[in-house]
Protein backbone atom coordinates (compact mmCIF):
# COMPACT_ATOMS: atom_id res chain seq x y z
CA MET A 1 27.75 -8.54 10.34
CA HIS A 2 25.39 -8.84 7.52
CA GLN A 3 23.05 -5.86 6.96
CA PRO A 4 19.39 -6.88 6.44
CA ARG A 5 18.05 -6.31 2.85
CA TYR A 6 14.46 -5.55 2.10
CA GLU A 7 12.02 -5.89 -0.75
CA TYR A 8 9.09 -3.58 -1.25
CA THR A 9 5.73 -3.73 -2.90
CA PHE A 10 3.26 -0.92 -3.65
CA VAL A 11 -0.50 -1.22 -3.69
CA ARG A 12 -2.50 1.60 -5.20
CA PHE A 13 -6.23 2.11 -4.66
CA GLY A 14 -8.51 5.03 -4.65
CA GLU A 15 -11.85 6.64 -4.35
CA THR A 16 -13.95 8.07 -7.17
CA TRP A 17 -16.04 11.10 -6.39
CA MET A 18 -19.40 11.02 -8.14
CA GLU A 19 -22.19 13.58 -7.72
CA GLY A 20 -21.20 14.67 -4.22
CA GLY A 21 -20.68 11.14 -2.90
CA LYS A 22 -17.70 8.73 -2.87
CA ILE A 23 -17.42 5.18 -3.78
CA ALA A 24 -14.58 3.22 -2.16
CA GLN A 25 -12.97 1.07 -4.81
CA GLU A 26 -11.19 -1.20 -2.34
CA ASP A 27 -11.05 -1.65 1.47
CA TYR A 28 -7.53 -0.76 2.68
CA ARG A 29 -7.98 -2.79 5.91
CA HIS A 30 -8.45 -5.95 3.86
CA VAL A 31 -5.35 -5.16 1.72
CA ILE A 32 -3.15 -4.52 4.86
CA GLN A 33 -4.37 -7.80 6.57
CA GLU A 34 -3.79 -9.82 3.32
CA HIS A 35 -0.24 -8.53 2.96
CA ALA A 36 0.61 -8.95 6.60
CA GLY A 37 -0.40 -12.65 6.32
CA GLU A 38 2.27 -12.89 3.48
CA GLY A 39 4.93 -11.41 5.69
CA TRP A 40 4.74 -7.83 4.53
CA ARG A 41 4.88 -4.82 6.91
CA LEU A 42 3.05 -1.55 6.14
CA VAL A 43 5.68 1.20 6.22
CA GLN A 44 3.81 4.14 4.74
CA ILE A 45 0.62 5.39 3.17
CA PHE A 46 1.20 7.87 0.33
CA ALA A 47 -1.71 10.22 -0.36
CA PRO A 48 -1.11 13.01 -2.91
CA GLU A 49 -2.80 16.37 -2.24
CA LEU A 50 -6.33 16.53 -3.58
CA GLY A 51 -6.60 19.15 -6.35
CA GLU A 52 -9.19 19.86 -8.86
CA SER A 53 -9.21 16.27 -9.97
CA THR A 54 -12.37 14.13 -9.55
CA GLU A 55 -10.23 11.04 -8.64
CA HIS A 56 -7.96 10.60 -5.69
CA TYR A 57 -5.78 7.66 -4.86
CA TYR A 58 -3.71 6.22 -2.04
CA GLU A 59 -0.65 4.09 -2.21
CA LEU A 60 0.21 1.64 0.55
CA ILE A 61 3.95 0.80 0.73
CA PHE A 62 4.95 -2.52 2.24
CA GLU A 63 8.32 -4.02 3.03
CA ARG A 64 9.67 -7.40 4.14
CA PRO A 65 13.19 -8.73 4.76
CA ILE A 66 14.81 -10.71 1.98
CA ILE A 67 15.83 -14.10 3.36
CA ASP A 68 19.22 -15.04 1.87
CA ALA A 69 19.47 -18.78 1.17
CA GLU A 70 22.61 -20.08 2.80
CA VAL A 71 24.65 -22.32 0.53
């Protein structure tokens, strides 16, 4: 039996902290819906620990099966 193979894509977006407030640079819900419409499945959200930095980011990790063309 053939094992399924997958391809992955990574979408990075973040928030910039300015003067005590935050400005969202991209709406993650829109990104997820857009990728789902293209056959991608969200498998993980990577969010590194917030340190002393003024910028924080998230990385959405998507996968979808690779469809092998039969000859």
